[in-house]
C-alpha atoms as a PDB file:
ATOM      1  CA  MET A   1     104.654  99.435 110.333  1.00  0.00           C
ATOM      2  CA  ALA A   2     102.452  96.369 109.850  1.00  0.00           C
ATOM      3  CA  HIS A   3      99.862  95.491 107.234  1.00  0.00           C
ATOM      4  CA  LEU A   4      97.306  92.722 107.607  1.00  0.00           C
ATOM      5  CA  LEU A   5      95.652  91.098 104.596  1.00  0.00           C
ATOM      6  CA  VAL A   6      93.253  88.172 104.456  1.00  0.00           C
ATOM      7  CA  GLY A   7      94.263  85.457 102.004  1.00  0.00           C
ATOM      8  CA  ASP A   8      92.459  82.424 100.598  1.00  0.00           C
ATOM      9  CA  ASP A   9      94.147  79.632 102.560  1.00  0.00           C
ATOM     10  CA  ASP A  10      93.763  78.796 106.261  1.00  0.00           C
ATOM     11  CA  GLU A  11      97.360  79.569 107.167  1.00  0.00           C
ATOM     12  CA  VAL A  12      98.762  82.694 108.801  1.00  0.00           C
ATOM     13  CA  ARG A  13     101.773  84.002 106.892  1.00  0.00           C
ATOM     14  CA  ILE A  14     104.170  86.631 108.213  1.00  0.00           C
ATOM     15  CA  GLY A  15     106.818  88.438 106.185  1.00  0.00           C
ATOM     16  CA  PHE A  16     109.474  90.924 107.234  1.00  0.00           C
ATOM     17  CA  VAL A  17     110.940  93.793 105.226  1.00  0.00           C
ATOM     18  CA  VAL A  18     114.206  95.068 106.650  1.00  0.00           C
ATOM     19  CA  SER A  19     116.051  97.309 104.187  1.00  0.00           C
ATOM     20  CA  LYS A  20     119.706  98.290 104.135  1.00  0.00           C
ATOM     21  CA  ALA A  21     118.673 101.618 105.666  1.00  0.00           C
ATOM     22  CA  VAL A  22     118.278  99.731 108.963  1.00  0.00           C
ATOM     23  CA  GLY A  23     121.948  98.787 109.064  1.00  0.00           C
ATOM     24  CA  ASN A  24     124.483  96.228 107.911  1.00  0.00           C
ATOM     25  CA  ALA A  25     123.648  92.532 107.514  1.00  0.00           C
ATOM     26  CA  VAL A  26     124.328  91.721 111.174  1.00  0.00           C
ATOM     27  CA  VAL A  27     121.960  94.441 112.379  1.00  0.00           C
ATOM     28  CA  ARG A  28     119.258  93.579 109.823  1.00  0.00           C
ATOM     29  CA  ASN A  29     119.357  89.903 110.777  1.00  0.00           C
ATOM     30  CA  ARG A  30     119.177  90.745 114.494  1.00  0.00           C
ATOM     31  CA  VAL A  31     116.103  92.912 113.870  1.00  0.00           C
ATOM     32  CA  LYS A  32     114.481  90.139 111.791  1.00  0.00           C
ATOM     33  CA  ARG A  33     115.184  87.510 114.465  1.00  0.00           C
ATOM     34  CA  ARG A  34     113.691  89.699 117.175  1.00  0.00           C
ATOM     35  CA  LEU A  35     110.612  90.531 115.107  1.00  0.00           C
ATOM     36  CA  ARG A  36     110.139  86.882 114.114  1.00  0.00           C
ATOM     37  CA  HIS A  37     110.224  85.801 117.747  1.00  0.00           C
ATOM     38  CA  LEU A  38     107.832  88.569 118.802  1.00  0.00           C
ATOM     39  CA  ALA A  39     105.428  87.826 115.941  1.00  0.00           C
ATOM     40  CA  ARG A  40     105.152  84.175 117.003  1.00  0.00           C
ATOM     41  CA  GLU A  41     103.394  85.320 120.169  1.00  0.00           C
ATOM     42  CA  HIS A  42     100.643  86.960 118.091  1.00  0.00           C
ATOM     43  CA  VAL A  43      99.971  84.279 115.471  1.00  0.00           C
ATOM     44  CA  SER A  44      97.097  82.803 117.469  1.00  0.00           C
ATOM     45  CA  THR A  45      95.353  86.201 117.662  1.00  0.00           C
ATOM     46  CA  LEU A  46      95.310  86.699 113.870  1.00  0.00           C
ATOM     47  CA  PRO A  47      92.585  85.406 111.540  1.00  0.00           C
ATOM     48  CA  GLY A  48      93.363  81.979 110.079  1.00  0.00           C
ATOM     49  CA  SER A  49      94.075  83.258 106.580  1.00  0.00           C
ATOM     50  CA  ALA A  50      95.971  86.429 107.540  1.00  0.00           C
ATOM     51  CA  VAL A  51      99.040  87.676 105.707  1.00  0.00           C
ATOM     52  CA  LEU A  52     101.065  89.999 107.925  1.00  0.00           C
ATOM     53  CA  VAL A  53     103.856  92.145 106.495  1.00  0.00           C
ATOM     54  CA  VAL A  54     106.098  93.909 109.016  1.00  0.00           C
ATOM     55  CA  ARG A  55     108.382  96.650 107.724  1.00  0.00           C
ATOM     56  CA  ALA A  56     111.221  97.640 110.028  1.00  0.00           C
ATOM     57  CA  LEU A  57     112.179 101.300 109.987  1.00  0.00           C
ATOM     58  CA  PRO A  58     115.786 102.440 110.560  1.00  0.00           C
ATOM     59  CA  ALA A  59     115.059 103.206 114.228  1.00  0.00           C
ATOM     60  CA  ALA A  60     114.554  99.449 114.777  1.00  0.00           C
ATOM     61  CA  ALA A  61     118.333  99.023 114.723  1.00  0.00           C
ATOM     62  CA  GLN A  62     118.695 100.841 118.055  1.00  0.00           C
ATOM     63  CA  ALA A  63     115.419  99.641 119.584  1.00  0.00           C
ATOM     64  CA  SER A  64     115.487  97.195 122.464  1.00  0.00           C
ATOM     65  CA  TYR A  65     113.617  93.906 122.376  1.00  0.00           C
ATOM     66  CA  ALA A  66     110.938  95.382 124.651  1.00  0.00           C
ATOM     67  CA  GLU A  67     110.554  98.469 122.459  1.00  0.00           C
ATOM     68  CA  LEU A  68     110.137  96.331 119.338  1.00  0.00           C
ATOM     69  CA  GLY A  69     107.529  94.252 121.146  1.00  0.00           C
ATOM     70  CA  THR A  70     105.591  97.334 122.224  1.00  0.00           C
ATOM     71  CA  ASP A  71     105.667  98.779 118.702  1.00  0.00           C
ATOM     72  CA  LEU A  72     104.568  95.493 117.118  1.00  0.00           C
ATOM     73  CA  GLU A  73     101.701  95.143 119.596  1.00  0.00           C
ATOM     74  CA  ARG A  74     100.589  98.738 118.932  1.00  0.00           C
ATOM     75  CA  CYS A  75     100.619  98.157 115.167  1.00  0.00           C
ATOM     76  CA  LEU A  76      98.730  94.882 115.446  1.00  0.00           C
ATOM     77  CA  GLN A  77      96.030  96.540 117.541  1.00  0.00           C
ATOM     78  CA  ARG A  78      95.504  99.041 114.725  1.00  0.00           C
ATOM     79  CA  VAL A  79      95.130  96.414 111.996  1.00  0.00           C
ATOM     80  CA  ARG A  80      93.168  93.686 113.777  1.00  0.00           C
ATOM     81  CA  PRO A  81      89.578  93.372 112.555  1.00  0.00           C
END
């Protein structure tokens, strides 16, 4: 799930919410690292003052890198202006 807000500054900010429901610390950090890397590819397509919040659901723990990328792209298409 991703939410896109427009802030006041000219900097894109991205935050990740990965709860304990996703898994232990190792799994949560792996999911965050993968999402962070995938989100970097989309920074240039977001408005300059965007604030993107990505919430990982428990299924993200078993998702492959490609599946996470597909899901992130699908979510971003829904929230882009």
